[in-house]
Structure formats: structure tokens, C-alpha cells
């Protein structure tokens, strides 16, 4: 009997506006876009920020092009959630078919989603209009409280608290349930309950964490976003298995997000901060979900032979320290073979010994785990580390 498998990929995780600041390199600067492949092969795309262009450049039609099309859910119509549409290459091929879903805006009326896309590409905002897109397109309006099936998957829609409206989506599959709840602010009792109903028992709960709790209580109140603390609170209350902090503020550097993640993990056990390139596979009832960050951002690499001592925290939350060899080194990080399995996105201390003019010299570096793969040595893992100090 085969176990059903689903795969969730993060193509854009930043909120409000894209960033290209080197200080945001590790988590990424593209605006929201997720891809979810259900066990039956149905492809879902959640939001159409600038990350959509990256997805399009690596496009592979699900099921070898034999599926009934791709289903794109747009949470709302603010720029950071739609601005990737004109740059999504698969929309310009007549071999593809897409179904778009979102709500009817009280400001636009009927066919709101289609109007938004057409206006975004109208003169003088873009050099070509939507007629240049040859793919088959369908637009469907959905309402809060509505549930429907696509293939073997049940989709539930709920309203969230955000200026001009926003929808959250719950996708239930044989391999687990994911909930996408970007752009929501706590404080409206009815919509707070709506969010909790959406996230109830989810395997993966993706929640807005743009602001700190302090910002949310003061200068950013009313802006339509949430915090890591609110996400952890909801995850505990509704029995979610894994919390993913999403929609990072454009002014939040990698180190600031590291700190947010560290605080969140003190209040909820299984938390990840969304990062471009990260993929998550829901686990079964007995296992944790599996998260992975492929080495898509590489620097100039060299083979190396440095003795090293590594200390950190395992996936199970225990402190560890072990002796090893660094065999692959770049200007920004290293690939290290470890017997202990550290937690993804946790901090490691790496002390390397290298020959110097006066004998062996120690070099101590701090880094974060961004990648975990199987190692060639039995009982070891190949751990990718990005150095920050």
C-alpha cells in the first residue's frame, strides 16, 4: 500500500514589496507565492506575487501535462499578491490551462479578479495587455464559508481581517491538510473565529507574521497583519501540527527573522520561518512534517579538509556537540557531515582548526542550518550552514 505524498513549495515569502537587500538574502525577497502538489497530482498555486515568476521559469506541468489544469487561489488584490501575473511565462503558452479563484470586491463588483488582472496590464502600466496570454483561463468567484472539491481535495474558504478584504484557504488531501492564512490581523471576534475554524487540526498552518507583537500593539495596529506570537497562540489552540511564519516585513533582516523564529519556538514546538526554496511534505498522524531547503543559492565553493567542532540543538530539542571534518567550504557557508541531526533553521556554532604560521589556529563561526540531505557516510546527515558571523 503506497503512502499518499503531497509537496508544498515556497517561491515568495516577503510581504508588501520585494527586497533585494543582501541582509534579506537567506530568507528571500520575493512577494507571496506558494505551490502545492496534492497526492492526486492536482497543482495549486497560492497567491501571485513576484515569486510566481520564479515558479514559471522552472515550470513543469503536473502529471506530465495530462492534468485538468492548474488552480490558482488569490487571497486578495493588493499589489504584492498579484504583481507576478504579467511575468508568469506559462500564461503565454496555449498548452496550459488555469482556473483562478478569488472574491468579489465591493469596490469592483462582478468579475473582480478578471478586472484586476486586466487593469494591471492595461496602458500605460504594461507594454502588452492580457490578449498576449494564450493559455486557457477561467475565473471563479468564491465566498467565505464556501467548500468545494477539486480532484480528491476539499477546499474551504474563509474571510480574514485585512483592509479591502482577504481570503484564507484550507486544502484537505489524503496526505494531510494545509492552511494558507496570509494578511490577517487579530482583533475582530468574528474573523478571529473564522481563522481558527480554518486552521483547526491543520498539518501545516501558514500564518501572517509580518510584525512583532510590540508593533502590532502600537505603530502597526490596523495595518492588517499579525505576529509570531499570535500564530503560536492559534496553533496551540486549534491543534495545528506545524506553524509556518509567513509574509516577512521588507524591513526585517535575516537576523531579525532568526530572532522571531527563536522566540516562536519557545512557545510552539514545530515552527519554521518561510524561506524561498523551502519545501514541506506533510507527515502522517505519527510523524512530524518534513521540511527541506535545497541549495539553490550557492556561492563560490571549494573542497576543504578542516577539523571542526560543531555544537547546536537537535531536531528533538537536545543540545549536542561533536567532532567532524568540514569538506566543502564557500565564502558564505559550508556543508558539514554530522551524526546528530540539527533542527532546520537552528543556530550552530562551528569551530574550525586550520594550519597557520604559528601552528593550528581556531576559527569560530556562527551559522544557521539551511539544508539537510543524506550524507555518503552511513548514520550521518549532510548539513548545509550559512555563516552570519
Protein backbone atom coordinates (compact mmCIF):
# COMPACT_ATOMS: atom_id res chain seq x y z
CA UNK A 1 0.00 0.00 0.00
CA UNK A 2 1.53 3.32 -1.07
CA UNK A 3 1.51 6.29 1.27
CA UNK A 4 -0.02 9.42 -0.31
CA UNK A 5 2.50 12.21 -0.75
CA UNK A 6 1.95 15.94 -1.09
CA UNK A 7 4.55 18.68 -1.58
CA UNK A 8 4.40 22.35 -0.63
CA UNK A 9 7.00 24.72 -2.16
CA UNK A 10 7.68 28.34 -1.22
CA UNK A 11 8.53 30.64 -4.14
CA UNK A 12 7.91 34.02 -2.45
CA UNK A 13 7.65 34.77 1.28
CA UNK A 14 8.10 38.54 1.67
CA UNK A 15 5.24 40.98 2.31
CA UNK A 16 4.33 44.43 0.99
CA UNK A 17 7.15 44.90 -1.52
CA UNK A 18 10.06 42.82 -2.90
CA UNK A 19 13.51 43.27 -1.38
CA UNK A 20 16.98 42.84 -2.88
CA UNK A 21 18.92 43.87 0.22
CA UNK A 22 21.80 41.45 0.96
CA UNK A 23 20.56 41.40 4.56
CA UNK A 24 17.41 39.57 3.38
CA UNK A 25 19.22 37.08 1.14
CA UNK A 26 18.80 33.98 3.29
CA UNK A 27 15.00 34.08 3.66
CA UNK A 28 14.39 35.72 0.30
CA UNK A 29 12.86 38.89 -1.09
CA UNK A 30 10.09 37.80 -3.49
CA UNK A 31 6.47 38.51 -2.56
CA UNK A 32 3.95 35.73 -1.80
CA UNK A 33 3.64 32.66 -3.97
CA UNK A 34 3.31 29.01 -2.92
CA UNK A 35 2.89 25.85 -4.98
CA UNK A 36 1.10 22.81 -3.58
CA UNK A 37 1.04 19.46 -5.38
CA UNK A 38 -1.66 17.18 -3.94
CA UNK A 39 -1.30 13.36 -3.91
CA UNK A 40 -3.64 13.05 -6.92
CA UNK A 41 -1.33 15.35 -8.92
CA UNK A 42 -3.55 18.43 -8.73
CA UNK A 43 -1.44 21.57 -8.78
CA UNK A 44 -2.48 24.53 -6.63
CA UNK A 45 -0.82 27.95 -6.65
CA UNK A 46 -1.46 30.21 -3.68
CA UNK A 47 -1.06 33.91 -4.50
CA UNK A 48 0.69 35.55 -7.41
CA UNK A 49 3.44 37.78 -6.02
CA UNK A 50 6.85 38.16 -7.63
CA UNK A 51 7.71 34.61 -6.58
CA UNK A 52 5.35 33.47 -9.34
CA UNK A 53 7.94 34.44 -11.95
CA UNK A 54 10.44 32.08 -10.35
CA UNK A 55 7.89 29.27 -10.40
CA UNK A 56 7.18 29.99 -14.06
CA UNK A 57 10.86 29.84 -15.00
CA UNK A 58 11.03 26.32 -13.55
CA UNK A 59 7.64 25.31 -14.82
CA UNK A 60 6.76 21.66 -15.28
CA UNK A 61 3.10 20.90 -15.93
CA UNK A 62 1.74 18.45 -13.33
CA UNK A 63 1.31 14.82 -14.39
CA UNK A 64 3.39 15.42 -17.49
CA UNK A 65 0.83 17.85 -18.85
CA UNK A 66 -2.03 15.37 -18.61
CA UNK A 67 -3.86 17.10 -15.73
CA UNK A 68 -7.04 19.13 -15.96
CA UNK A 69 -5.13 22.35 -15.39
CA UNK A 70 -3.68 24.35 -12.54
CA UNK A 71 -5.79 26.02 -9.85
CA UNK A 72 -4.66 29.45 -8.67
CA UNK A 73 -6.07 30.95 -5.48
CA UNK A 74 -5.62 34.69 -4.94
CA UNK A 75 -6.09 35.78 -1.33
CA UNK A 76 -6.71 39.46 -2.19
CA UNK A 77 -5.88 42.19 -4.66
CA UNK A 78 -3.05 44.17 -3.07
CA UNK A 79 -0.02 44.62 -5.30
CA UNK A 80 2.31 42.23 -3.51
CA UNK A 81 -0.11 39.34 -4.14
CA UNK A 82 -0.79 39.91 -7.85
CA UNK A 83 2.31 41.56 -9.33
CA UNK A 84 3.85 38.33 -10.63
CA UNK A 85 0.99 37.60 -13.06
CA UNK A 86 2.37 39.53 -16.08
CA UNK A 87 5.72 37.73 -15.69
CA UNK A 88 4.39 34.17 -15.34
CA UNK A 89 5.65 32.57 -18.58
CA UNK A 90 3.22 29.58 -18.62
CA UNK A 91 0.32 32.03 -19.15
CA UNK A 92 1.70 32.80 -22.61
CA UNK A 93 1.51 29.18 -23.84
CA UNK A 94 -1.69 27.77 -25.36
CA UNK A 95 -0.77 24.34 -23.99
CA UNK A 96 -1.65 25.41 -20.45
CA UNK A 97 -4.96 25.87 -18.66
CA UNK A 98 -5.54 27.82 -15.44
CA UNK A 99 -8.51 28.31 -13.14
CA UNK A 100 -8.35 31.41 -10.93
CA UNK A 101 -10.31 31.83 -7.69
CA UNK A 102 -10.90 34.88 -5.50
CA UNK A 103 -13.69 37.03 -4.05
CA UNK A 104 -15.96 39.71 -5.46
CA UNK A 105 -14.69 43.08 -4.27
CA UNK A 106 -17.32 45.60 -3.19
CA UNK A 107 -15.18 48.23 -4.92
CA UNK A 108 -15.14 46.45 -8.29
CA UNK A 109 -18.26 44.32 -8.42
CA UNK A 110 -18.71 41.40 -10.79
CA UNK A 111 -15.62 39.75 -12.30
CA UNK A 112 -13.36 41.50 -9.79
CA UNK A 113 -10.41 39.17 -10.30
CA UNK A 114 -10.51 39.43 -14.08
CA UNK A 115 -10.78 43.22 -13.81
CA UNK A 116 -7.75 43.40 -11.52
CA UNK A 117 -5.60 41.38 -13.91
CA UNK A 118 -6.74 43.32 -16.97
CA UNK A 119 -6.18 46.69 -15.30
CA UNK A 120 -2.72 45.71 -14.08
CA UNK A 121 -1.67 45.07 -17.68
CA UNK A 122 -3.55 47.97 -19.25
CA UNK A 123 -1.86 51.03 -20.77
CA UNK A 124 0.23 52.77 -19.53
CA UNK A 125 1.15 50.25 -16.81
CA UNK A 126 2.43 47.40 -19.01
CA UNK A 127 3.63 47.10 -22.63
CA UNK A 128 1.19 44.31 -23.61
CA UNK A 129 -2.32 43.51 -22.41
CA UNK A 130 -3.85 40.18 -21.39
CA UNK A 131 -4.65 39.29 -25.01
CA UNK A 132 -0.97 38.30 -25.31
CA UNK A 133 -1.65 35.44 -22.91
CA UNK A 134 -2.58 32.35 -24.93
CA UNK A 135 -3.25 29.93 -22.07
CA UNK A 136 -6.84 28.98 -21.33
CA UNK A 137 -8.13 30.97 -18.36
CA UNK A 138 -11.21 30.64 -16.17
CA UNK A 139 -12.20 33.00 -13.36
CA UNK A 140 -14.38 31.87 -10.48
CA UNK A 141 -15.71 33.94 -7.60
CA UNK A 142 -15.78 32.23 -4.20
CA UNK A 143 -17.32 33.35 -0.92
CA UNK A 144 -16.40 32.97 2.72
CA UNK A 145 -17.81 29.75 4.17
CA UNK A 146 -17.84 28.00 0.81
CA UNK A 147 -16.40 24.48 0.40
CA UNK A 148 -15.87 22.56 -2.83
CA UNK A 149 -13.76 19.73 -4.22
CA UNK A 150 -11.03 19.76 -6.85
CA UNK A 151 -9.98 16.23 -7.74
CA UNK A 152 -9.67 14.33 -4.46
CA UNK A 153 -9.11 17.53 -2.47
CA UNK A 154 -11.55 19.58 -0.41
CA UNK A 155 -11.08 23.36 -0.45
CA UNK A 156 -12.63 25.58 2.22
CA UNK A 157 -12.65 29.38 2.06
CA UNK A 158 -12.89 31.84 4.98
CA UNK A 159 -12.68 35.63 5.25
CA UNK A 160 -9.74 37.17 7.14
CA UNK A 161 -9.34 40.58 8.77
CA UNK A 162 -7.48 42.77 6.28
CA UNK A 163 -8.19 46.17 4.64
CA UNK A 164 -10.35 45.75 1.49
CA UNK A 165 -10.83 42.06 2.30
CA UNK A 166 -8.79 38.86 2.17
CA UNK A 167 -9.47 35.13 1.95
CA UNK A 168 -7.78 32.24 3.71
CA UNK A 169 -7.75 28.76 2.16
CA UNK A 170 -7.80 25.26 3.65
CA UNK A 171 -6.89 22.33 1.38
CA UNK A 172 -7.61 18.85 2.74
CA UNK A 173 -5.92 15.93 0.97
CA UNK A 174 -5.31 12.23 1.75
CA UNK A 175 -1.74 13.24 2.72
CA UNK A 176 -2.73 15.99 5.13
CA UNK A 177 -4.22 19.46 5.41
CA UNK A 178 -2.57 22.79 4.66
CA UNK A 179 -3.97 26.19 5.63
CA UNK A 180 -2.87 29.40 3.93
CA UNK A 181 -3.79 32.45 6.03
CA UNK A 182 -1.69 35.37 4.90
CA UNK A 183 -2.58 39.02 5.64
CA UNK A 184 -4.77 38.80 8.73
CA UNK A 185 -4.89 40.94 11.88
CA UNK A 186 -6.30 39.79 15.21
CA UNK A 187 -8.98 41.85 16.92
CA UNK A 188 -12.23 41.21 15.06
CA UNK A 189 -14.02 38.46 17.07
CA UNK A 190 -15.98 37.08 14.10
CA UNK A 191 -12.96 36.94 11.79
CA UNK A 192 -10.71 35.66 14.58
CA UNK A 193 -13.10 32.72 14.93
CA UNK A 194 -13.12 32.30 11.15
CA UNK A 195 -9.33 31.92 11.17
CA UNK A 196 -9.42 29.36 13.96
CA UNK A 197 -12.06 27.30 12.15
CA UNK A 198 -9.89 27.38 9.06
CA UNK A 199 -6.75 26.24 10.91
CA UNK A 200 -8.37 23.56 13.10
CA UNK A 201 -6.10 20.48 13.25
CA UNK A 202 -4.05 21.54 10.20
CA UNK A 203 -0.86 19.66 9.39
CA UNK A 204 0.68 22.88 8.07
CA UNK A 205 -0.65 26.27 9.24
CA UNK A 206 0.87 29.16 7.24
CA UNK A 207 0.13 32.39 9.06
CA UNK A 208 0.99 36.06 8.64
CA UNK A 209 3.87 37.13 10.92
CA UNK A 210 4.86 40.45 9.39
CA UNK A 211 5.01 42.48 12.61
CA UNK A 212 6.39 41.97 16.09
CA UNK A 213 3.88 41.81 18.96
CA UNK A 214 5.09 45.28 20.02
CA UNK A 215 4.49 46.78 16.56
CA UNK A 216 1.09 45.12 16.35
CA UNK A 217 0.04 46.75 19.63
CA UNK A 218 1.27 50.23 18.66
CA UNK A 219 2.55 51.69 15.38
CA UNK A 220 1.25 48.94 13.05
CA UNK A 221 -2.19 48.43 14.57
CA UNK A 222 -4.85 48.50 11.86
CA UNK A 223 -2.45 47.66 9.02
CA UNK A 224 -3.94 44.19 8.54
CA UNK A 225 -1.14 41.89 9.68
CA UNK A 226 -0.30 39.55 12.54
CA UNK A 227 2.70 38.43 14.62
CA UNK A 228 4.59 35.26 15.51
CA UNK A 229 3.04 35.25 18.98
CA UNK A 230 -0.49 35.31 17.63
CA UNK A 231 0.34 32.49 15.22
CA UNK A 232 1.80 30.34 18.02
CA UNK A 233 -1.26 31.02 20.18
CA UNK A 234 -3.68 29.97 17.44
CA UNK A 235 -1.62 26.89 16.53
CA UNK A 236 -1.77 25.70 20.15
CA UNK A 237 -5.49 26.40 20.47
CA UNK A 238 -6.54 24.57 17.30
CA UNK A 239 -4.07 21.67 17.48
CA UNK A 240 -2.10 22.52 14.33
CA UNK A 241 0.90 20.25 13.80
CA UNK A 242 3.31 22.75 12.21
CA UNK A 243 3.32 26.56 12.12
CA UNK A 244 4.99 28.45 9.27
CA UNK A 245 5.69 32.16 9.83
CA UNK A 246 4.97 33.99 6.57
CA UNK A 247 4.78 37.41 4.86
CA UNK A 248 8.00 38.77 6.37
CA UNK A 249 8.24 42.54 6.60
CA UNK A 250 10.50 44.11 3.93
CA UNK A 251 12.44 45.82 6.73
CA UNK A 252 13.01 42.54 8.60
CA UNK A 253 16.57 41.34 8.00
CA UNK A 254 17.54 37.68 8.15
CA UNK A 255 18.85 38.17 11.68
CA UNK A 256 15.60 39.79 12.77
CA UNK A 257 13.64 36.83 11.39
CA UNK A 258 16.08 34.47 13.14
CA UNK A 259 15.18 36.18 16.40
CA UNK A 260 11.45 35.98 15.66
CA UNK A 261 11.81 32.27 14.90
CA UNK A 262 13.75 31.70 18.11
CA UNK A 263 11.02 33.37 20.18
CA UNK A 264 8.25 31.46 18.41
CA UNK A 265 9.95 28.13 19.09
CA UNK A 266 9.87 28.91 22.80
CA UNK A 267 6.07 28.96 22.64
CA UNK A 268 5.31 26.32 19.98
CA UNK A 269 7.45 23.29 19.27
CA UNK A 270 7.35 22.90 15.48
CA UNK A 271 7.78 26.28 13.80
CA UNK A 272 9.51 27.27 10.57
CA UNK A 273 10.08 30.72 9.10
CA UNK A 274 9.07 30.63 5.45
CA UNK A 275 12.09 30.79 3.16
CA UNK A 276 12.36 30.84 -0.62
CA UNK A 277 13.19 27.37 -1.88
CA UNK A 278 11.83 25.64 1.20
CA UNK A 279 9.68 22.57 0.58
CA UNK A 280 7.48 20.84 3.13
CA UNK A 281 5.97 17.37 2.97
CA UNK A 282 3.11 16.72 5.39
CA UNK A 283 3.69 13.74 7.69
CA UNK A 284 1.21 11.12 8.80
CA UNK A 285 -0.54 11.20 12.17
CA UNK A 286 2.52 9.84 14.00
CA UNK A 287 5.27 11.84 12.30
CA UNK A 288 6.30 15.45 12.01
CA UNK A 289 6.18 17.11 8.65
CA UNK A 290 9.45 17.09 6.74
CA UNK A 291 10.98 20.39 5.67
CA UNK A 292 13.87 20.82 3.27
CA UNK A 293 15.78 23.74 1.78
CA UNK A 294 17.64 22.82 -1.40
CA UNK A 295 20.93 24.56 -2.08
CA UNK A 296 19.59 26.92 -4.72
CA UNK A 297 21.63 29.88 -3.54
CA UNK A 298 25.24 28.85 -3.94
CA UNK A 299 28.44 30.82 -3.66
CA UNK A 300 31.94 30.09 -4.91
CA UNK A 301 32.67 26.67 -3.37
CA UNK A 302 35.92 24.82 -2.73
CA UNK A 303 36.67 21.38 -1.40
CA UNK A 304 38.25 21.63 2.05
CA UNK A 305 39.74 19.50 4.83
CA UNK A 306 39.27 21.28 8.15
CA UNK A 307 38.85 19.61 11.50
CA UNK A 308 35.83 21.15 13.24
CA UNK A 309 33.78 21.03 16.39
CA UNK A 310 30.04 21.69 15.94
CA UNK A 311 27.50 22.44 18.68
CA UNK A 312 23.82 23.11 18.39
CA UNK A 313 20.32 21.75 19.01
CA UNK A 314 18.95 18.51 17.55
CA UNK A 315 15.57 18.09 15.92
CA UNK A 316 14.40 16.66 19.25
CA UNK A 317 15.47 19.80 21.13
CA UNK A 318 18.62 18.39 22.81
CA UNK A 319 21.96 20.18 22.94
CA UNK A 320 24.78 18.38 21.12
CA UNK A 321 28.48 18.77 20.36
CA UNK A 322 30.56 16.60 18.05
CA UNK A 323 33.89 16.48 16.24
CA UNK A 324 33.82 16.31 12.45
CA UNK A 325 35.50 17.42 9.22
CA UNK A 326 34.45 20.34 7.02
CA UNK A 327 34.84 19.06 3.46
CA UNK A 328 33.05 21.69 1.39
CA UNK A 329 33.51 25.39 2.12
CA UNK A 330 32.31 28.61 0.48
CA UNK A 331 32.69 32.27 1.31
CA UNK A 332 29.22 32.19 2.85
CA UNK A 333 28.75 28.72 4.30
CA UNK A 334 29.75 25.09 4.50
CA UNK A 335 28.45 21.57 4.00
CA UNK A 336 29.18 19.52 7.11
CA UNK A 337 28.69 15.80 7.78
CA UNK A 338 27.12 15.23 11.20
CA UNK A 339 25.89 12.24 13.19
CA UNK A 340 23.50 14.48 15.10
CA UNK A 341 20.51 15.80 13.15
CA UNK A 342 20.14 19.53 13.89
CA UNK A 343 16.86 21.34 13.57
CA UNK A 344 16.31 23.16 10.27
CA UNK A 345 16.82 26.93 10.71
CA UNK A 346 18.50 26.42 14.09
CA UNK A 347 21.77 28.13 15.05
CA UNK A 348 25.07 26.21 15.06
CA UNK A 349 28.47 27.13 16.46
CA UNK A 350 31.26 25.82 14.20
CA UNK A 351 34.87 25.91 15.41
CA UNK A 352 37.38 25.02 12.68
CA UNK A 353 41.08 24.33 13.02
CA UNK A 354 43.36 25.43 10.21
CA UNK A 355 47.18 25.47 9.92
CA UNK A 356 48.75 28.87 10.44
CA UNK A 357 52.22 30.38 10.77
CA UNK A 358 52.25 29.55 14.46
CA UNK A 359 50.67 26.11 14.21
CA UNK A 360 46.98 25.25 14.36
CA UNK A 361 44.64 28.21 14.69
CA UNK A 362 40.97 28.10 15.65
CA UNK A 363 38.25 29.94 13.75
CA UNK A 364 34.85 30.12 15.44
CA UNK A 365 31.81 30.92 13.30
CA UNK A 366 28.09 31.17 13.93
CA UNK A 367 25.69 29.95 11.28
CA UNK A 368 22.18 28.72 10.58
CA UNK A 369 21.03 25.38 9.17
CA UNK A 370 19.50 25.95 5.73
CA UNK A 371 19.75 22.48 4.20
CA UNK A 372 19.71 18.85 5.34
CA UNK A 373 20.44 15.95 2.97
CA UNK A 374 21.52 12.34 3.28
CA UNK A 375 25.29 12.00 3.57
CA UNK A 376 27.50 9.40 1.89
CA UNK A 377 28.57 8.16 5.33
CA UNK A 378 26.11 5.80 6.98
CA UNK A 379 24.40 7.30 10.03
CA UNK A 380 25.33 10.87 9.05
CA UNK A 381 23.49 13.84 7.53
CA UNK A 382 24.92 16.44 5.15
CA UNK A 383 24.08 19.73 6.86
CA UNK A 384 24.26 22.98 4.89
CA UNK A 385 25.16 26.00 7.01
CA UNK A 386 25.11 29.70 6.12
CA UNK A 387 27.56 31.69 8.23
CA UNK A 388 26.46 35.01 9.74
CA UNK A 389 29.46 35.76 11.98
